[in-house]
Amino acid sequence: MAKIHPFRGIFYNQEKVNISSVIAPPYDIISETEQEAFYQADPYNIIRLILGKTYLEDTEENNRYTRAKEFKVAWEKEGILIKEDAPSFYLYQQEWNLAEKEGRMEGIIASIEAEPYSARAILPHERTLFTPKKDQLELLRKTETNFCPIFLVYSDEARKIEKWLTPSGPPKIQFEYENRLCRLWQIKEDIEKLSAIFEEKQLFIADGHHRYETALAFAKEKGENRVMAMLLEKDRGGSIILSAHRLFKNSLSTEKLEGFLREKVKKEELPNILLERKGIGVFGMVSRNEACILTLKDGKELDLAGSLKRVDVAILHNLIFNGQQEEKDVAYTKDIKEVFSRVESGEFACGFLLRPTSFQSVMDVALDSLYMPGKATYFFPKPFSGVVMHSLEKKT
């Protein structure tokens, strides 16, 4: 099964930079406004490596990817980036709060052997797009470095890995970001035993499908099949899955809703009613004139295989989306208030509220070798870019 290895992490030199000023979220959730803010935060901010600016005068010889390489090389020479002397695993903790919920994500960061999905060691649950993979492959070719771990989930009912999730001694790195405490420790003891335990396990991609498949493509070119990953135990409660609600530009025909029971409710009560409902195939729908709960009648019309029949977002796409809506006519958001406001403004004809997908559903779909629709899950929180980096220049 999964093959994990210790590695010589690359870190920011804390004698020369303030860690909280140089890290950033994963590249794919950073807006243009946030990109500019990170550029201004610190001249050594990781944004210059993971999501550099583009310019009209960019060429094949001078672009965001070549500049990322130049920044990295320069920062290494300046002693801004320093490499660990010996390989180790890393324990990462990140506190979070969201609305009335709070928690602490903790996982093991390791160098993972990226294997084709057919090997069944690491399994996906979402399909990927060409453009993001092209972007990430070009960055990897130039920098030969992972700047942010992908996010993998595993099951550990026997609690064999528990001991490595208990910190020992002071952290190597500790900082606060937006009042959230983040810490990282080196794991040096019994690392061979830890690797051996993971050889018995399957890993499931929670976040980072594009970067994992980029690692597979890079391995074909360079023969280096490693990728940095954070490993999270699914039942430990350190992470949650948020809903990715849908907004549609076009109104829906009555035929599209024939497979559902329709129950009108007050708009302000819709979110709470939705979360209280049990069963499969339950959604909230809002238009300018009404709000209602949609409940799947019997599922006879579903054209879905296996575990997908038990996943709300797959049911929604199969019966309502059904390949008829173009990507430009659909928007996604985690914010329920945004759904209401953008429908009220007339920007979108209707919106659909979804309940969060469960960790178990993600694993079931992956085990069945099936795929959820894009943006079916939003794992929260996400590990930061720049806390620890992983060189692919050679196996280290």
Protein backbone atom coordinates (compact mmCIF):
# COMPACT_ATOMS: atom_id res chain seq x y z
CA MET A 1 0.00 0.00 0.00
CA ALA A 2 1.16 3.56 0.77
CA LYS A 3 4.89 4.25 0.87
CA ILE A 4 5.88 7.24 3.00
CA HIS A 5 9.39 8.51 3.73
CA PRO A 6 11.08 11.08 5.97
CA PHE A 7 12.70 13.98 4.12
CA ARG A 8 15.01 16.93 4.66
CA GLY A 9 12.57 19.79 4.93
CA ILE A 10 13.34 23.26 3.63
CA PHE A 11 12.36 26.03 6.05
CA TYR A 12 12.36 29.78 6.28
CA ASN A 13 15.22 31.00 8.47
CA GLN A 14 13.44 32.38 11.53
CA GLU A 15 16.46 34.54 12.36
CA LYS A 16 15.82 36.51 9.16
CA VAL A 17 12.04 36.48 8.62
CA ASN A 18 8.81 36.52 10.58
CA ILE A 19 7.08 33.25 9.67
CA SER A 20 3.57 34.67 9.91
CA SER A 21 4.51 37.29 7.28
CA VAL A 22 5.89 34.86 4.69
CA ILE A 23 3.39 31.98 4.63
CA ALA A 24 0.17 31.91 2.59
CA PRO A 25 -2.79 29.58 1.94
CA PRO A 26 -2.63 27.03 -0.92
CA TYR A 27 -2.31 28.72 -4.32
CA ASP A 28 -5.75 27.68 -5.60
CA ILE A 29 -7.78 29.57 -2.98
CA ILE A 30 -5.93 32.89 -3.31
CA SER A 31 -7.77 35.73 -5.07
CA GLU A 32 -6.03 38.49 -7.05
CA THR A 33 -6.64 40.90 -4.19
CA GLU A 34 -5.13 38.47 -1.70
CA GLN A 35 -2.20 37.83 -4.03
CA GLU A 36 -1.36 41.53 -4.00
CA ALA A 37 -1.72 41.64 -0.20
CA PHE A 38 0.75 38.78 0.21
CA TYR A 39 3.19 40.50 -2.17
CA GLN A 40 3.04 43.57 0.04
CA ALA A 41 3.26 41.62 3.31
CA ASP A 42 6.93 40.69 2.94
CA PRO A 43 9.51 40.64 0.10
CA TYR A 44 10.14 36.98 0.95
CA ASN A 45 6.51 35.90 1.04
CA ILE A 46 5.92 32.44 -0.44
CA ILE A 47 3.39 33.97 -2.87
CA ARG A 48 6.31 34.77 -5.21
CA LEU A 49 7.00 31.04 -5.48
CA ILE A 50 3.50 29.51 -5.53
CA LEU A 51 1.48 32.16 -7.39
CA GLY A 52 3.72 34.78 -8.92
CA LYS A 53 2.34 37.75 -10.82
CA THR A 54 2.03 37.66 -14.59
CA TYR A 55 2.89 40.58 -16.86
CA LEU A 56 2.04 41.51 -20.44
CA GLU A 57 5.73 41.41 -21.37
CA ASP A 58 6.21 37.84 -20.10
CA THR A 59 8.07 35.47 -22.44
CA GLU A 60 9.11 31.83 -22.42
CA GLU A 61 12.42 32.94 -20.90
CA ASN A 62 10.95 35.33 -18.33
CA ASN A 63 7.61 34.45 -16.68
CA ARG A 64 6.05 33.60 -13.33
CA TYR A 65 7.69 30.15 -13.36
CA THR A 66 11.22 31.27 -14.21
CA ARG A 67 10.91 34.07 -11.66
CA ALA A 68 9.82 31.57 -9.01
CA LYS A 69 13.00 29.61 -9.66
CA GLU A 70 15.11 32.77 -9.50
CA PHE A 71 13.53 33.84 -6.20
CA LYS A 72 14.07 30.38 -4.70
CA VAL A 73 17.73 30.21 -5.75
CA ALA A 74 18.38 33.76 -4.52
CA TRP A 75 16.69 33.11 -1.17
CA GLU A 76 18.78 29.98 -0.66
CA LYS A 77 21.97 31.93 -1.33
CA GLU A 78 20.86 34.66 1.09
CA GLY A 79 20.16 32.10 3.79
CA ILE A 80 16.46 32.92 3.81
CA LEU A 81 15.64 29.30 2.98
CA ILE A 82 17.62 26.59 4.80
CA LYS A 83 17.54 22.82 4.49
CA GLU A 84 17.36 20.31 7.33
CA ASP A 85 20.54 18.32 7.97
CA ALA A 86 18.84 14.92 8.31
CA PRO A 87 15.56 13.40 7.08
CA SER A 88 12.57 13.33 9.41
CA PHE A 89 8.80 13.34 9.46
CA TYR A 90 6.96 16.39 10.80
CA LEU A 91 3.97 16.76 13.09
CA TYR A 92 1.84 19.75 12.07
CA GLN A 93 -0.89 21.37 14.16
CA GLN A 94 -3.14 24.20 13.02
CA GLU A 95 -5.90 25.66 15.18
CA TRP A 96 -9.01 26.97 13.47
CA ASN A 97 -12.37 28.55 14.12
CA LEU A 98 -15.32 28.99 11.81
CA ALA A 99 -18.62 30.53 12.85
CA GLU A 100 -19.40 28.76 16.13
CA LYS A 101 -17.07 25.82 15.50
CA GLU A 102 -13.43 25.48 16.44
CA GLY A 103 -10.84 22.72 16.35
CA ARG A 104 -7.25 21.74 15.82
CA MET A 105 -6.05 19.98 12.70
CA GLU A 106 -3.04 17.73 13.27
CA GLY A 107 -1.30 15.48 10.84
CA ILE A 108 2.01 13.98 9.82
CA ILE A 109 3.88 15.60 6.94
CA ALA A 110 5.88 13.13 4.87
CA SER A 111 7.36 12.48 1.45
CA ILE A 112 4.96 10.15 -0.35
CA GLU A 113 5.66 7.91 -3.31
CA ALA A 114 3.21 9.04 -5.97
CA GLU A 115 1.80 5.95 -7.64
CA PRO A 116 -0.83 5.58 -10.38
CA TYR A 117 -4.35 5.20 -9.05
CA SER A 118 -4.39 1.66 -10.46
CA ALA A 119 -1.96 0.67 -7.69
CA ARG A 120 -4.81 1.42 -5.21
CA ALA A 121 -2.41 2.82 -2.61
CA ILE A 122 -3.66 6.41 -3.01
CA LEU A 123 -7.18 7.01 -4.26
CA PRO A 124 -8.98 10.11 -5.64
CA HIS A 125 -12.61 11.15 -5.35
CA GLU A 126 -12.75 14.08 -7.82
CA ARG A 127 -11.85 14.56 -11.45
CA THR A 128 -9.19 17.08 -12.40
CA LEU A 129 -8.85 19.79 -15.05
CA PHE A 130 -6.08 20.21 -17.61
CA THR A 131 -5.23 23.89 -17.06
CA PRO A 132 -4.38 23.73 -13.31
CA LYS A 133 -2.21 20.66 -13.89
CA LYS A 134 -0.37 22.38 -16.74
CA ASP A 135 0.28 25.35 -14.47
CA GLN A 136 1.55 23.23 -11.58
CA LEU A 137 3.71 21.04 -13.80
CA GLU A 138 5.48 24.05 -15.27
CA LEU A 139 6.13 25.39 -11.77
CA LEU A 140 7.45 22.00 -10.65
CA ARG A 141 9.73 21.74 -13.68
CA LYS A 142 11.32 25.07 -12.85
CA THR A 143 11.56 24.89 -9.06
CA GLU A 144 11.64 21.11 -8.40
CA THR A 145 10.02 21.85 -5.04
CA ASN A 146 6.72 21.25 -3.25
CA PHE A 147 5.81 24.39 -1.33
CA CYS A 148 2.60 23.11 0.28
CA PRO A 149 1.57 19.57 1.25
CA ILE A 150 -1.36 17.88 -0.40
CA PHE A 151 -3.95 16.62 2.07
CA LEU A 152 -4.46 12.85 2.47
CA VAL A 153 -6.82 11.01 4.80
CA TYR A 154 -6.34 7.57 6.37
CA SER A 155 -8.17 5.31 8.80
CA ASP A 156 -6.54 4.14 12.04
CA GLU A 157 -9.14 2.26 14.06
CA ALA A 158 -6.43 0.36 15.99
CA ARG A 159 -4.77 3.68 16.92
CA LYS A 160 -1.35 2.44 15.84
CA ILE A 161 -0.24 5.94 14.82
CA GLU A 162 -1.46 7.73 17.94
CA LYS A 163 2.00 7.99 19.56
CA TRP A 164 3.44 10.01 16.66
CA LEU A 165 0.61 12.54 16.97
CA THR A 166 1.71 13.47 20.50
CA PRO A 167 4.21 16.36 20.45
CA SER A 168 7.57 15.91 22.17
CA GLY A 169 9.52 18.95 23.32
CA PRO A 170 9.23 22.51 22.01
CA PRO A 171 8.06 23.00 18.41
CA LYS A 172 10.53 23.73 15.64
CA ILE A 173 8.13 26.36 14.29
CA GLN A 174 5.37 28.26 16.06
CA PHE A 175 3.43 31.24 14.76
CA GLU A 176 0.01 32.82 14.74
CA TYR A 177 -1.92 33.64 11.62
CA GLU A 178 -5.16 35.61 11.98
CA ASN A 179 -5.23 34.64 15.68
CA ARG A 180 -4.83 30.94 14.85
CA LEU A 181 -1.89 29.08 16.39
CA CYS A 182 0.19 26.88 14.09
CA ARG A 183 3.04 24.62 15.23
CA LEU A 184 5.38 22.07 13.72
CA TRP A 185 7.64 19.47 15.38
CA GLN A 186 10.23 17.14 13.93
CA ILE A 187 9.55 13.42 14.28
CA LYS A 188 12.87 11.59 14.55
CA GLU A 189 12.06 8.52 16.65
CA ASP A 190 10.89 5.16 15.24
CA ILE A 191 10.52 6.60 11.76
CA GLU A 192 11.09 3.21 10.13
CA LYS A 193 8.26 1.77 12.23
CA LEU A 194 5.95 4.61 11.21
CA SER A 195 6.72 4.01 7.53
CA ALA A 196 6.02 0.30 8.00
CA ILE A 197 2.60 0.97 9.56
CA PHE A 198 1.57 3.11 6.61
CA GLU A 199 2.53 0.36 4.19
CA GLU A 200 -0.57 -1.42 5.49
CA LYS A 201 -2.85 1.53 4.69
CA GLN A 202 -4.66 3.11 1.80
CA LEU A 203 -4.61 6.87 1.56
CA PHE A 204 -7.42 9.03 0.20
CA ILE A 205 -6.89 12.39 -1.45
CA ALA A 206 -8.89 15.02 0.40
CA ASP A 207 -7.34 18.12 -1.17
CA GLY A 208 -4.65 18.34 -3.84
CA HIS A 209 -5.85 16.13 -6.71
CA HIS A 210 -4.25 18.42 -9.30
CA ARG A 211 -0.91 18.52 -7.49
CA TYR A 212 -0.90 14.73 -7.02
CA GLU A 213 -1.51 14.12 -10.71
CA THR A 214 1.13 16.74 -11.48
CA ALA A 215 3.54 14.66 -9.38
CA LEU A 216 2.69 11.62 -11.51
CA ALA A 217 3.40 13.57 -14.69
CA PHE A 218 6.67 14.92 -13.25
CA ALA A 219 7.71 11.38 -12.33
CA LYS A 220 7.32 10.29 -15.95
CA GLU A 221 9.61 13.14 -17.05
CA LYS A 222 12.23 13.10 -14.29
CA GLY A 223 11.88 9.72 -12.57
CA GLU A 224 11.30 11.44 -9.21
CA ASN A 225 7.95 10.16 -7.93
CA ARG A 226 7.71 11.95 -4.59
CA VAL A 227 5.21 14.50 -3.34
CA MET A 228 4.90 16.16 0.06
CA ALA A 229 1.68 15.29 1.88
CA MET A 230 -0.02 15.84 5.20
CA LEU A 231 -1.64 12.67 6.54
CA LEU A 232 -4.79 13.17 8.62
CA GLU A 233 -6.69 10.46 10.53
CA LYS A 234 -10.34 10.67 9.44
CA ASP A 235 -11.92 10.16 12.87
CA ARG A 236 -9.67 12.45 14.87
CA GLY A 237 -11.94 15.43 14.32
CA GLY A 238 -9.27 17.90 13.31
CA SER A 239 -10.80 18.83 9.98
CA ILE A 240 -14.29 19.32 8.58
CA ILE A 241 -15.85 19.29 5.13
CA LEU A 242 -17.77 22.41 4.17
CA SER A 243 -20.58 22.54 1.66
CA ALA A 244 -19.92 24.02 -1.77
CA HIS A 245 -23.29 25.54 -2.66
CA ARG A 246 -24.31 26.06 -6.29
CA LEU A 247 -25.62 29.13 -8.13
CA PHE A 248 -27.23 28.75 -11.59
CA LYS A 249 -27.55 31.54 -14.15
CA ASN A 250 -30.56 29.98 -15.85
CA SER A 251 -34.00 29.18 -14.49
CA LEU A 252 -34.90 25.50 -14.19
CA SER A 253 -37.80 23.89 -15.98
CA THR A 254 -40.50 22.10 -14.00
CA GLU A 255 -39.34 18.83 -15.57
CA LYS A 256 -35.97 19.15 -13.82
CA LEU A 257 -37.69 19.04 -10.44
CA GLU A 258 -40.05 16.14 -11.11
CA GLY A 259 -37.85 13.71 -9.20
CA PHE A 260 -38.21 15.69 -5.96
CA LEU A 261 -40.85 16.43 -3.36
CA ARG A 262 -41.08 20.20 -2.98
CA GLU A 263 -41.76 21.87 0.39
CA LYS A 264 -41.95 25.65 0.64
CA VAL A 265 -40.29 27.23 3.68
CA LYS A 266 -39.34 30.71 4.86
CA LYS A 267 -36.01 31.83 3.41
CA GLU A 268 -34.53 32.69 6.78
CA GLU A 269 -35.39 29.20 8.08
CA LEU A 270 -34.09 27.27 5.07
CA PRO A 271 -30.47 26.68 6.21
CA ASN A 272 -31.42 25.31 9.62
CA ILE A 273 -34.24 23.14 8.27
CA LEU A 274 -31.87 21.68 5.68
CA LEU A 275 -29.24 20.71 8.27
CA GLU A 276 -31.87 19.06 10.45
CA ARG A 277 -33.19 16.81 7.67
CA LYS A 278 -32.01 13.21 7.47
CA GLY A 279 -31.80 10.85 4.53
CA ILE A 280 -30.32 11.00 1.06
CA GLY A 281 -31.02 13.55 -1.64
CA VAL A 282 -32.17 16.56 0.37
CA PHE A 283 -31.40 20.09 -0.84
CA GLY A 284 -32.37 23.68 -0.29
CA MET A 285 -33.42 25.66 -3.35
CA VAL A 286 -33.85 29.43 -3.44
CA SER A 287 -35.11 31.75 -6.17
CA ARG A 288 -36.16 35.40 -6.00
CA ASN A 289 -39.74 34.39 -5.25
CA GLU A 290 -39.44 31.41 -2.94
CA ALA A 291 -37.34 29.03 -0.90
CA CYS A 292 -38.03 25.34 -0.57
CA ILE A 293 -36.69 21.97 0.55
CA LEU A 294 -36.27 19.42 -2.22
CA THR A 295 -36.34 15.75 -1.21
CA LEU A 296 -35.56 12.93 -3.63
CA LYS A 297 -38.72 10.85 -4.23
CA ASP A 298 -37.46 7.35 -4.97
CA GLY A 299 -34.26 7.69 -6.99
CA LYS A 300 -35.56 5.61 -9.93
CA GLU A 301 -34.33 8.22 -12.39
CA LEU A 302 -30.80 8.32 -11.00
CA ASP A 303 -28.09 7.36 -13.46
CA LEU A 304 -25.41 6.84 -10.82
CA ALA A 305 -23.26 3.89 -9.82
CA GLY A 306 -22.59 2.42 -6.38
CA SER A 307 -21.79 4.81 -3.57
CA LEU A 308 -22.56 7.91 -5.67
CA LYS A 309 -26.27 7.16 -5.15
CA ARG A 310 -25.75 8.15 -1.52
CA VAL A 311 -23.95 11.45 -2.20
CA ASP A 312 -26.15 14.55 -2.32
CA VAL A 313 -23.98 16.58 -4.67
CA ALA A 314 -23.83 13.68 -7.15
CA ILE A 315 -27.62 13.35 -7.07
CA LEU A 316 -28.03 17.08 -7.64
CA HIS A 317 -25.75 17.08 -10.65
CA ASN A 318 -27.29 13.92 -12.09
CA LEU A 319 -30.92 15.05 -11.96
CA ILE A 320 -30.67 18.84 -12.23
CA PHE A 321 -27.23 19.81 -13.50
CA ASN A 322 -26.95 16.78 -15.79
CA GLY A 323 -24.35 18.28 -18.09
CA GLN A 324 -26.82 20.90 -19.31
CA GLN A 325 -25.33 23.88 -17.49
CA GLU A 326 -22.14 25.34 -18.90
CA GLU A 327 -19.34 26.07 -16.43
CA LYS A 328 -19.62 29.81 -17.07
CA ASP A 329 -23.25 29.66 -15.93
CA VAL A 330 -22.44 28.11 -12.55
CA ALA A 331 -20.78 29.59 -9.47
CA TYR A 332 -19.76 27.94 -6.21
CA THR A 333 -19.58 29.35 -2.71
CA LYS A 334 -19.27 28.20 0.90
CA ASP A 335 -21.26 31.23 2.04
CA ILE A 336 -25.04 30.75 2.33
CA LYS A 337 -25.58 34.50 2.59
CA GLU A 338 -23.84 34.91 -0.77
CA VAL A 339 -26.29 32.46 -2.35
CA PHE A 340 -29.25 34.52 -1.13
CA SER A 341 -27.76 37.91 -2.06
CA ARG A 342 -26.68 36.95 -5.59
CA VAL A 343 -30.07 35.41 -6.33
CA GLU A 344 -31.90 38.42 -4.86
CA SER A 345 -29.82 40.77 -7.02
CA GLY A 346 -30.82 38.90 -10.17
CA GLU A 347 -27.25 37.90 -10.99
CA PHE A 348 -28.30 34.26 -10.72
CA ALA A 349 -31.73 32.72 -11.31
CA CYS A 350 -31.54 30.19 -8.48
CA GLY A 351 -29.26 28.65 -5.91
CA PHE A 352 -28.95 25.24 -4.29
CA LEU A 353 -27.84 24.72 -0.71
CA LEU A 354 -26.15 21.42 0.11
CA ARG A 355 -25.35 19.60 3.32
CA PRO A 356 -21.67 18.76 3.85
CA THR A 357 -20.35 15.55 2.29
CA SER A 358 -19.04 13.12 4.91
CA PHE A 359 -15.49 11.76 5.18
CA GLN A 360 -16.96 8.27 4.84
CA SER A 361 -18.68 9.16 1.56
CA VAL A 362 -15.39 10.48 0.18
CA MET A 363 -13.69 7.19 1.06
CA ASP A 364 -16.57 5.04 -0.24
CA VAL A 365 -16.57 6.80 -3.61
CA ALA A 366 -12.79 6.46 -3.87
CA LEU A 367 -12.91 2.75 -2.99
CA ASP A 368 -15.53 2.23 -5.71
CA SER A 369 -13.17 3.92 -8.23
CA LEU A 370 -15.83 6.55 -8.89
CA TYR A 371 -15.68 10.34 -9.06
CA MET A 372 -17.79 13.05 -7.48
CA PRO A 373 -18.60 16.20 -9.47
CA GLY A 374 -16.02 18.96 -9.30
CA LYS A 375 -16.05 21.12 -6.16
CA ALA A 376 -17.99 18.44 -4.30
CA THR A 377 -15.95 18.94 -1.14
CA TYR A 378 -14.14 21.79 0.57
CA PHE A 379 -11.89 20.51 3.33
CA PHE A 380 -11.24 23.01 6.10
CA PRO A 381 -8.78 24.14 7.26
CA LYS A 382 -6.04 23.77 4.67
CA PRO A 383 -2.34 23.57 5.59
CA PHE A 384 -0.38 26.71 4.77
CA SER A 385 2.19 27.05 2.01
CA GLY A 386 5.74 27.79 3.17
CA VAL A 387 5.75 26.21 6.61
CA VAL A 388 7.89 23.36 5.30
CA MET A 389 9.02 22.68 1.73
CA HIS A 390 10.12 19.51 -0.04
CA SER A 391 12.90 19.32 -2.61
CA LEU A 392 12.57 17.01 -5.61
CA GLU A 393 16.07 17.66 -6.92
CA LYS A 394 17.02 14.29 -5.50
CA LYS A 395 15.59 11.80 -3.00
CA THR A 396 16.14 13.58 0.29
